[in-house]
Protein backbone atom coordinates (compact mmCIF):
# COMPACT_ATOMS: atom_id res chain seq x y z
CA MET A 1 -0.02 0.07 -0.35
CA THR A 2 1.57 3.64 -0.91
CA LYS A 3 0.85 6.71 1.20
CA SER A 4 1.37 10.23 0.00
CA MET A 5 3.51 12.66 1.68
CA THR A 6 6.17 15.38 1.22
CA GLY A 7 9.17 15.03 -0.35
CA ALA A 8 11.60 15.84 3.09
CA ARG A 9 9.14 13.48 4.90
CA MET A 10 10.02 10.45 2.34
CA VAL A 11 13.61 11.00 3.64
CA VAL A 12 12.99 10.47 6.61
CA GLN A 13 11.02 7.27 6.08
CA ALA A 14 13.03 6.43 3.87
CA LEU A 15 15.97 6.58 6.49
CA LYS A 16 14.11 4.58 8.80
CA ASP A 17 13.13 2.38 6.27
CA GLN A 18 16.87 1.74 5.42
CA GLY A 19 17.36 1.15 9.25
CA VAL A 20 19.42 4.57 9.91
CA GLU A 21 19.70 5.32 13.32
CA VAL A 22 22.20 8.41 13.02
CA VAL A 23 22.40 11.27 10.55
CA PHE A 24 25.62 13.14 10.41
CA GLY A 25 24.26 17.11 9.01
CA TYR A 26 24.84 21.01 9.04
CA PRO A 27 21.07 22.75 8.79
CA GLY A 28 20.70 25.23 5.96
CA GLY A 29 18.03 26.84 4.05
CA ALA A 30 17.82 24.56 0.91
CA VAL A 31 17.10 21.61 3.68
CA LEU A 32 14.81 22.91 6.13
CA PRO A 33 11.54 20.74 5.57
CA ILE A 34 13.69 17.65 6.47
CA TYR A 35 14.69 19.10 9.21
CA ASP A 36 11.81 20.02 10.10
CA GLU A 37 10.65 16.46 9.59
CA ILE A 38 13.67 15.29 11.77
CA PHE A 39 12.77 16.81 14.43
CA GLN A 40 9.66 15.68 14.49
CA GLN A 41 10.58 12.06 15.41
CA GLU A 42 13.14 10.06 17.48
CA LYS A 43 14.01 7.48 15.62
CA VAL A 44 16.69 8.86 13.52
CA GLU A 45 18.97 11.06 15.97
CA HIS A 46 20.82 14.05 14.22
CA ILE A 47 24.16 14.89 15.00
CA LEU A 48 24.73 18.62 14.76
CA VAL A 49 28.42 18.71 13.21
CA ARG A 50 30.39 22.39 13.20
CA HIS A 51 31.48 21.86 9.51
CA GLU A 52 30.32 20.06 6.61
CA GLN A 53 33.93 18.31 6.13
CA GLY A 54 33.26 16.63 9.31
CA ALA A 55 29.87 15.66 8.94
CA THR A 56 31.21 13.44 6.11
CA HIS A 57 34.17 11.87 8.16
CA ALA A 58 32.11 11.21 11.13
CA ALA A 59 30.02 9.17 8.62
CA GLU A 60 33.28 7.72 7.20
CA GLY A 61 34.24 6.42 10.96
CA TYR A 62 30.87 5.87 11.69
CA ALA A 63 30.47 3.31 9.24
CA ARG A 64 33.96 2.06 9.09
CA SER A 65 33.42 1.07 13.10
CA THR A 66 29.89 -0.61 12.62
CA GLY A 67 29.73 -1.77 9.02
CA LYS A 68 26.71 0.27 8.05
CA PRO A 69 26.46 2.96 5.96
CA GLY A 70 27.44 6.77 6.93
CA VAL A 71 24.73 9.24 6.44
CA VAL A 72 25.40 12.81 5.88
CA LEU A 73 22.83 15.88 5.53
CA VAL A 74 23.84 19.40 3.91
CA THR A 75 22.69 22.03 2.14
CA SER A 76 23.13 23.56 -0.73
CA GLY A 77 25.65 25.22 -2.61
CA PRO A 78 28.90 25.85 0.36
CA GLY A 79 27.41 23.11 2.11
CA ALA A 80 27.51 20.45 -0.64
CA THR A 81 30.99 21.81 -1.38
CA ASN A 82 31.96 21.67 1.74
CA ALA A 83 31.21 18.02 2.10
CA ILE A 84 33.32 17.12 -1.44
CA THR A 85 36.88 16.24 0.54
CA GLY A 86 34.75 13.82 2.72
CA ILE A 87 32.89 12.29 0.39
CA ALA A 88 36.50 11.75 -2.36
CA ASP A 89 38.06 10.54 0.61
CA ALA A 90 34.94 8.12 1.11
CA MET A 91 35.36 6.92 -2.54
CA MET A 92 39.09 6.86 -2.06
CA ASP A 93 38.63 4.60 0.20
CA SER A 94 35.71 2.20 -0.36
CA ILE A 95 33.14 3.63 2.53
CA PRO A 96 29.68 3.43 2.14
CA MET A 97 27.93 6.79 2.28
CA VAL A 98 24.99 8.24 1.42
CA VAL A 99 25.39 12.19 1.34
CA ILE A 100 22.06 13.88 0.67
CA THR A 101 22.51 17.40 -0.26
CA GLY A 102 19.79 20.33 -0.89
CA GLN A 103 19.20 22.11 -4.00
CA VAL A 104 17.97 25.17 -4.66
CA GLY A 105 14.30 25.23 -6.49
CA THR A 106 14.36 23.17 -9.98
CA PRO A 107 12.73 26.45 -11.95
CA LEU A 108 16.07 28.26 -10.75
CA ILE A 109 18.57 25.77 -11.52
CA GLY A 110 21.06 26.95 -13.62
CA THR A 111 20.54 30.72 -13.01
CA ASP A 112 23.51 30.86 -10.16
CA ALA A 113 20.63 31.57 -7.83
CA PHE A 114 21.43 32.04 -4.12
CA GLN A 115 23.42 29.29 -2.44
CA GLU A 116 23.50 27.41 -5.72
CA CYS A 117 26.20 25.19 -7.29
CA ASP A 118 26.29 21.81 -10.31
CA THR A 119 26.54 19.65 -7.09
CA VAL A 120 25.70 16.47 -9.58
CA GLY A 121 28.66 17.79 -11.74
CA ILE A 122 31.20 18.79 -8.79
CA THR A 123 30.67 15.04 -7.35
CA ARG A 124 30.60 13.23 -10.52
CA HIS A 125 34.36 11.59 -10.19
CA VAL A 126 34.31 10.91 -6.72
CA THR A 127 30.90 8.88 -6.20
CA LYS A 128 29.99 5.83 -7.37
CA HIS A 129 26.29 7.64 -8.47
CA ASN A 130 24.46 10.49 -7.95
CA TYR A 131 21.01 11.70 -8.53
CA LEU A 132 19.18 15.20 -9.37
CA VAL A 133 15.71 14.17 -7.78
CA LYS A 134 13.56 15.98 -10.03
CA ASP A 135 10.13 14.25 -9.44
CA PRO A 136 9.02 13.82 -6.44
CA ALA A 137 7.46 10.10 -7.26
CA LYS A 138 10.52 9.00 -7.34
CA LEU A 139 12.12 9.78 -4.97
CA GLY A 140 11.45 6.50 -2.43
CA ASP A 141 12.89 4.53 -5.21
CA ILE A 142 15.96 6.96 -5.64
CA ILE A 143 17.03 6.97 -1.72
CA HIS A 144 16.64 3.08 -1.56
CA GLU A 145 18.89 2.71 -4.47
CA ALA A 146 21.48 4.65 -2.91
CA PHE A 147 21.49 3.02 -0.12
CA HIS A 148 21.74 -0.18 -2.44
CA ILE A 149 24.93 0.89 -4.43
CA ALA A 150 26.70 2.62 -1.61
CA THR A 151 26.75 -0.79 -0.02
CA SER A 152 26.96 -3.35 -2.49
CA GLY A 153 29.85 -4.53 -4.70
CA ARG A 154 32.88 -2.27 -4.19
CA PRO A 155 31.21 0.28 -1.34
CA GLY A 156 31.58 3.83 -1.96
CA PRO A 157 29.51 7.05 -1.76
CA VAL A 158 26.29 7.99 -3.48
CA VAL A 159 25.18 11.72 -3.76
CA ILE A 160 21.55 12.40 -3.68
CA ASP A 161 20.56 15.72 -4.77
CA LEU A 162 17.12 17.24 -3.52
CA PRO A 163 15.41 20.58 -4.85
CA LYS A 164 13.76 21.88 -2.11
CA ASP A 165 10.31 22.51 -4.29
CA VAL A 166 11.00 18.31 -4.34
CA GLN A 167 10.93 18.43 -0.14
CA VAL A 168 7.74 20.29 -0.39
CA ALA A 169 5.78 18.27 -3.00
CA THR A 170 3.46 15.93 -2.08
CA ALA A 171 3.91 12.14 -4.10
CA PRO A 172 2.98 8.67 -3.31
CA TYR A 173 6.00 6.21 -1.23
CA ARG A 174 6.10 2.99 -1.13
CA ARG A 175 9.02 0.66 0.51
CA THR A 176 11.43 0.09 -2.44
CA ASN A 177 12.63 -3.59 -2.82
CA VAL A 178 15.68 -2.30 -4.42
CA ASN A 179 16.29 -6.01 -6.18
CA ALA A 180 13.12 -4.94 -8.32
CA LEU A 181 14.58 -1.82 -9.33
CA PRO A 182 16.49 -1.54 -12.75
CA HIS A 183 20.00 -0.79 -11.98
CA ARG A 184 20.72 0.16 -15.77
CA GLY A 185 23.36 -2.52 -15.75
CA TYR A 186 24.59 -2.23 -11.68
CA LYS A 187 25.40 -5.90 -11.19
CA PRO A 188 28.54 -6.40 -9.31
CA GLN A 189 29.78 -9.93 -9.18
CA VAL A 190 30.62 -11.50 -5.92
CA LYS A 191 31.18 -14.95 -6.76
CA GLY A 192 34.84 -15.64 -8.08
CA ASP A 193 35.25 -18.38 -11.18
CA LEU A 194 35.93 -21.36 -10.04
CA ALA A 195 37.90 -22.56 -12.43
CA GLN A 196 40.38 -19.40 -11.37
CA ILE A 197 40.01 -19.93 -8.32
CA GLU A 198 41.20 -23.78 -8.71
CA GLU A 199 44.48 -22.48 -10.79
CA ALA A 200 44.90 -19.91 -7.79
CA VAL A 201 44.99 -22.62 -5.01
CA GLU A 202 47.30 -25.44 -7.06
CA LEU A 203 49.92 -22.29 -7.28
CA LEU A 204 49.38 -21.59 -3.72
CA ALA A 205 49.91 -25.70 -2.93
CA ASN A 206 52.81 -25.61 -5.18
CA ALA A 207 54.64 -22.62 -3.92
CA GLU A 208 57.76 -22.52 -2.65
CA ARG A 209 58.03 -18.76 -1.75
CA PRO A 210 54.31 -17.87 -1.06
CA MET A 211 53.01 -14.59 0.34
CA ILE A 212 49.41 -12.97 0.68
CA TYR A 213 48.95 -9.44 0.24
CA THR A 214 45.92 -8.01 2.24
CA GLY A 215 43.89 -4.95 1.70
CA GLY A 216 40.62 -2.96 2.54
CA GLY A 217 39.18 -5.21 1.06
CA ILE A 218 39.03 -7.99 3.28
CA ILE A 219 38.11 -5.32 5.85
CA ASN A 220 35.20 -4.11 3.34
CA SER A 221 33.78 -7.63 3.01
CA GLY A 222 32.99 -8.15 6.65
CA PRO A 223 34.80 -9.80 10.21
CA ALA A 224 33.70 -13.25 8.15
CA ALA A 225 36.42 -12.30 5.40
CA SER A 226 39.37 -12.22 8.17
CA MET A 227 38.55 -15.24 9.86
CA VAL A 228 38.81 -16.92 6.97
CA LEU A 229 41.99 -15.14 5.77
CA ARG A 230 43.48 -16.53 8.96
CA GLU A 231 42.24 -20.04 8.22
CA LEU A 232 43.81 -20.00 4.60
CA ALA A 233 46.98 -18.93 5.80
CA LYS A 234 47.18 -21.42 8.64
CA LEU A 235 46.23 -24.17 6.06
CA THR A 236 49.05 -22.60 3.29
CA GLY A 237 51.47 -21.41 6.35
CA ALA A 238 52.63 -18.86 3.97
CA PRO A 239 53.52 -15.06 5.42
CA VAL A 240 51.11 -12.41 5.08
CA THR A 241 51.70 -8.50 4.65
CA SER A 242 48.91 -5.90 4.51
CA THR A 243 48.26 -2.48 3.25
CA LEU A 244 47.72 0.58 5.39
CA MET A 245 44.11 -0.14 4.65
CA GLY A 246 44.20 -3.81 5.42
CA LEU A 247 45.74 -3.65 9.15
CA GLY A 248 44.01 -5.91 11.03
CA ALA A 249 42.78 -9.03 8.96
CA LEU A 250 45.40 -10.82 10.01
CA PRO A 251 45.86 -10.24 13.90
CA ALA A 252 49.54 -8.60 14.71
CA SER A 253 50.33 -11.40 16.92
CA SER A 254 49.98 -14.07 14.63
CA PRO A 255 53.68 -15.84 13.66
CA GLN A 256 52.76 -15.08 10.09
CA TRP A 257 52.29 -11.36 10.26
CA LEU A 258 54.98 -9.86 8.53
CA GLY A 259 53.94 -6.61 9.11
CA MET A 260 53.03 -3.47 6.45
CA LEU A 261 53.96 -3.59 3.09
CA GLY A 262 55.48 -0.65 1.30
CA MET A 263 57.10 2.12 1.67
CA HIS A 264 56.46 3.06 5.51
CA GLY A 265 56.30 -1.14 5.69
CA THR A 266 58.93 -3.63 7.22
CA PHE A 267 61.84 -4.60 5.81
CA GLU A 268 60.56 -8.23 6.10
CA ALA A 269 57.89 -7.84 4.63
CA ASN A 270 59.18 -5.74 1.41
CA MET A 271 62.03 -8.24 0.94
CA ALA A 272 59.45 -11.21 0.91
CA MET A 273 57.41 -9.92 -1.58
CA ASN A 274 60.19 -8.83 -3.80
CA GLN A 275 61.25 -12.77 -3.61
CA CYS A 276 58.31 -14.59 -3.08
CA ASP A 277 57.63 -17.37 -6.13
CA VAL A 278 53.37 -17.24 -6.03
CA MET A 279 51.63 -14.20 -4.40
CA LEU A 280 47.85 -13.58 -3.51
CA CYS A 281 46.84 -10.22 -3.79
CA LEU A 282 43.50 -10.10 -1.85
CA GLY A 283 40.94 -6.83 -2.05
CA ALA A 284 44.12 -4.40 -2.39
CA ARG A 285 44.95 -2.24 -5.46
CA PHE A 286 48.59 -2.18 -5.54
CA ASP A 287 49.18 1.45 -4.76
CA ASP A 288 52.25 3.47 -5.47
CA ARG A 289 53.22 3.52 -1.87
CA VAL A 290 53.09 -0.21 -2.03
CA THR A 291 54.66 -0.83 -5.14
CA GLY A 292 57.40 1.63 -5.97
CA ARG A 293 58.84 1.31 -9.12
CA LEU A 294 56.59 -1.35 -10.80
CA ASP A 295 59.15 -3.25 -12.61
CA ALA A 296 60.70 -3.87 -9.34
CA PHE A 297 57.85 -4.80 -7.64
CA SER A 298 57.61 -8.34 -6.83
CA PRO A 299 59.74 -9.01 -10.35
CA HIS A 300 59.67 -13.29 -10.15
CA SER A 301 56.44 -14.28 -8.81
CA LYS A 302 52.81 -15.55 -10.47
CA LYS A 303 50.15 -13.37 -9.09
CA ILE A 304 46.64 -13.91 -8.15
CA HIS A 305 44.60 -10.95 -7.92
CA VAL A 306 40.85 -11.13 -5.91
CA ASP A 307 39.11 -7.87 -6.00
CA ILE A 308 35.39 -7.13 -6.23
CA ASP A 309 35.99 -4.17 -8.74
CA ARG A 310 36.55 -5.39 -12.21
CA GLY A 311 38.38 -1.84 -13.14
CA SER A 312 41.30 -2.48 -10.28
CA ILE A 313 42.16 -5.67 -12.27
CA ASN A 314 45.24 -5.45 -14.56
CA LYS A 315 44.81 -1.90 -14.42
CA ILE A 316 48.57 -1.16 -12.33
CA VAL A 317 50.28 -4.57 -11.97
CA ARG A 318 49.68 -7.38 -14.33
CA VAL A 319 48.70 -10.62 -12.81
CA ASP A 320 48.47 -14.16 -14.05
CA VAL A 321 45.23 -15.47 -12.26
CA PRO A 322 42.82 -12.51 -12.17
CA ILE A 323 39.57 -13.13 -10.02
CA ILE A 324 36.71 -10.89 -9.85
CA GLY A 325 34.56 -11.37 -6.99
CA ASP A 326 34.07 -10.15 -2.91
CA VAL A 327 36.99 -11.21 -1.19
CA GLY A 328 35.16 -13.04 1.40
CA ARG A 329 33.21 -15.46 -0.87
CA VAL A 330 36.34 -16.34 -2.62
CA LEU A 331 38.56 -17.18 0.26
CA GLU A 332 35.53 -19.04 1.62
CA ASP A 333 36.25 -21.40 -1.70
CA MET A 334 39.40 -21.21 -1.83
CA VAL A 335 39.30 -22.84 1.73
CA LYS A 336 36.92 -25.31 0.50
CA LEU A 337 38.87 -26.65 -2.56
CA TRP A 338 42.01 -26.83 -0.50
CA LYS A 339 40.69 -28.83 1.91
CA ALA A 340 38.78 -31.14 -0.32
CA ARG A 341 41.58 -31.50 -2.49
CA GLU A 342 43.31 -32.11 0.73
CA TYR A 343 46.50 -30.30 -0.63
CA GLN A 344 49.70 -29.97 2.07
CA PRO A 345 51.88 -27.21 1.61
CA ARG A 346 55.26 -27.73 0.17
CA ASP A 347 58.00 -27.58 2.54
CA LEU A 348 58.06 -23.80 3.68
CA LYS A 349 61.12 -24.09 6.31
CA PRO A 350 63.62 -22.67 4.08
CA TRP A 351 61.41 -19.69 3.06
CA TRP A 352 60.71 -18.62 6.69
CA ASN A 353 64.46 -19.56 7.62
CA THR A 354 64.96 -16.74 4.92
CA ILE A 355 62.45 -14.36 6.51
CA LYS A 356 63.73 -15.01 9.77
CA THR A 357 67.27 -12.97 8.74
CA TRP A 358 65.19 -10.25 7.32
CA ARG A 359 63.09 -9.99 10.72
CA ASP A 360 66.23 -10.09 13.03
CA ARG A 361 67.42 -6.62 11.12
CA ASN A 362 64.49 -5.41 13.86
CA CYS A 363 63.76 -2.30 11.49
CA LEU A 364 61.81 -0.68 13.31
CA ALA A 365 63.56 -0.49 16.75
CA TYR A 366 63.99 3.10 17.95
CA PRO A 367 65.39 4.67 21.47
CA ALA A 368 62.80 4.92 24.17
CA SER A 369 64.28 8.55 24.40
CA VAL A 370 66.92 10.94 22.47
CA GLU A 371 69.97 13.18 24.02
CA SER A 372 67.73 15.91 25.91
CA GLY A 373 65.68 13.79 27.00
CA GLU A 374 62.59 13.77 25.07
CA ILE A 375 60.30 11.02 24.74
CA VAL A 376 60.52 9.63 20.82
CA PRO A 377 56.54 10.06 19.26
CA GLN A 378 57.25 5.88 18.55
CA HIS A 379 58.03 5.06 22.11
CA ALA A 380 54.83 7.28 23.09
CA ILE A 381 52.61 5.52 21.03
CA ARG A 382 53.42 1.63 21.97
CA LYS A 383 52.70 2.74 25.81
CA LEU A 384 49.74 3.89 24.55
CA TRP A 385 49.06 0.48 23.03
CA GLU A 386 50.96 -1.11 26.05
CA ALA A 387 47.78 0.70 28.14
CA THR A 388 44.82 -0.12 26.04
CA HIS A 389 44.93 -2.62 23.97
CA ARG A 390 43.63 -5.28 26.25
CA GLN A 391 40.45 -2.92 25.67
CA GLN A 392 40.70 -3.30 22.09
CA PRO A 393 40.01 0.18 21.42
CA ILE A 394 39.07 1.91 18.16
CA ILE A 395 42.18 4.59 16.97
CA THR A 396 41.84 7.11 14.45
CA THR A 397 44.23 8.99 12.99
CA GLU A 398 44.76 12.26 10.81
CA VAL A 399 47.20 12.29 8.30
CA GLY A 400 51.24 12.48 8.21
CA GLN A 401 54.26 11.01 9.89
CA HIS A 402 51.96 10.10 13.16
CA GLN A 403 49.62 8.48 10.73
CA MET A 404 52.79 6.28 9.64
CA TRP A 405 54.00 5.64 13.29
CA ALA A 406 50.59 4.47 14.58
CA ALA A 407 50.36 2.03 11.66
CA GLN A 408 53.87 0.87 12.83
CA HIS A 409 53.95 0.66 16.76
CA PHE A 410 49.87 -0.11 17.46
CA ASP A 411 49.14 -3.63 17.03
CA PHE A 412 46.23 -4.56 16.08
CA GLU A 413 44.30 -8.18 16.39
CA SER A 414 40.92 -7.47 14.70
CA PRO A 415 39.45 -5.72 12.10
CA ASN A 416 37.15 -2.44 11.84
CA LYS A 417 39.40 -0.78 14.56
CA TRP A 418 41.98 1.33 12.56
CA LEU A 419 40.62 3.60 10.56
CA THR A 420 42.43 5.94 9.01
CA SER A 421 42.50 8.21 5.39
CA GLY A 422 44.38 5.73 3.09
CA GLY A 423 44.06 6.92 -0.33
CA LEU A 424 43.22 10.44 -0.39
CA GLY A 425 45.14 10.76 2.57
CA THR A 426 43.25 13.71 4.65
CA MET A 427 44.36 16.04 7.08
CA GLY A 428 41.62 16.85 9.70
CA TYR A 429 40.23 13.10 8.82
CA GLY A 430 40.82 11.74 12.39
CA LEU A 431 39.08 13.88 15.23
CA PRO A 432 35.39 13.65 13.45
CA ALA A 433 36.10 10.33 12.36
CA ALA A 434 36.70 9.44 16.20
CA ILE A 435 33.50 11.16 16.81
CA GLY A 436 31.23 8.69 14.42
CA ALA A 437 32.96 5.74 15.71
CA GLN A 438 32.53 6.51 19.12
CA LEU A 439 28.63 7.06 18.31
CA GLY A 440 27.94 4.10 16.46
CA ASN A 441 30.08 2.05 19.68
CA PRO A 442 29.33 4.07 22.38
CA ASP A 443 30.65 1.41 24.88
CA LYS A 444 34.21 1.06 23.07
CA LEU A 445 37.36 3.42 23.75
CA VAL A 446 37.74 5.44 20.94
CA ILE A 447 41.11 7.65 20.22
CA ASP A 448 42.68 10.36 17.69
CA ILE A 449 46.16 9.89 17.22
CA ALA A 450 46.72 13.41 15.92
CA GLY A 451 49.97 15.23 14.56
CA ASP A 452 49.98 18.93 15.62
CA ALA A 453 49.04 20.24 12.20
CA SER A 454 46.31 17.71 11.20
CA ILE A 455 44.20 18.43 14.41
CA GLN A 456 43.49 21.76 13.02
CA MET A 457 42.11 21.04 10.27
CA ASN A 458 39.07 20.29 11.87
CA ILE A 459 39.23 21.56 15.25
CA GLN A 460 36.04 23.08 15.62
CA GLU A 461 34.44 19.37 15.91
CA LEU A 462 35.62 19.25 19.62
CA GLY A 463 32.42 21.29 20.13
CA THR A 464 30.51 18.08 18.86
CA ALA A 465 32.49 15.91 20.82
CA THR A 466 31.76 18.08 24.05
CA GLN A 467 27.67 18.86 23.00
CA TYR A 468 27.59 15.76 22.65
CA ARG A 469 29.37 14.26 25.87
CA LEU A 470 31.27 11.60 24.43
CA PRO A 471 34.12 10.52 26.46
């Protein structure tokens, strides 16, 4: 049964139907009808930030720590443009987010009206998809489709640009089954090709120097993917390394963990990647900070790449076995196949003995203090870990050297505990992300490790943390 309601009420009703509990936003003239509806109900809580960039980063922190999509509500013009950095950040790091932006009335679009900007045009290249809604009768379908696109396949941000006259117009609303919507070719492939999976498992089983290389895709696939990764690592006996975004997928306490890979990674991880004969890449995109010179990156290995994003396959590094699919599903199939065929890995003792010689260099060693008596930052971070790790805190960071020290010296035993800006490298990310994570996890200890410059980028969000009495 359909019911007529205003566009603004449709927005709030659709958020309820999607199970949204928190919206991060800042009011303005072009979204006042939606705010009127928000304040007449109690199911969806509105968090008043101090800047729209803060709203988007808070939504990212909420999404990454809870597994639920982050939701943002901002006004037209400068409200939308202030949100662009966070939208781009979510796109680069594959964070599910729905951003609702106000827009001037449809008759005024294109006239350079007060607080008008081409939000759809500006956000086209930093979103998975975006909409300019001109028909209130389509609004319900669009919102439900937006959540589906943001959360399925490779997650990412979706923008809904909503003119003010559409918010006050009346039309029928129905709770839409997204599977019945025409997604115009949007059908992410989640199941990997079995023949390619068989080839990958065969290569791993016969490898003398295997290497498992994990990225943020493992985290995005959900906690189950991390558990299956641990099982595959145990079956194969292979060493495991990770990108900045994949920390926590394998416990740092695992003897198979070599630390982070790349220019800020460990000596043993980089040397093992360089010398391996079979490399299994899981949900990573061969970022330039990981590969360095492409002609010298793992030059002697057979390469297997598992990624849900078809566009990431062979984009930077040519691979021998490309597998398109959800990394968690593919890992499950790999483990099942390994067990069904009763594979036994080759003797990896020589490989691990070589790795031990690299580990013995203790490349991340540091003095506790310097001649002046000042404490070095690495020591401070390690002491922070010693004081808090039993509580398994959620750690956010800003961007800079402190971020790398945190990645190197704060050990993570589980996924969704490490929230940082990887792809875009956004200074000012950590404080609002910590706010979002704390609101999504009220009983957890949340810590932002910040640099003295980055913290100032969104320091106004201390007002948000204070208003909502966040610990």
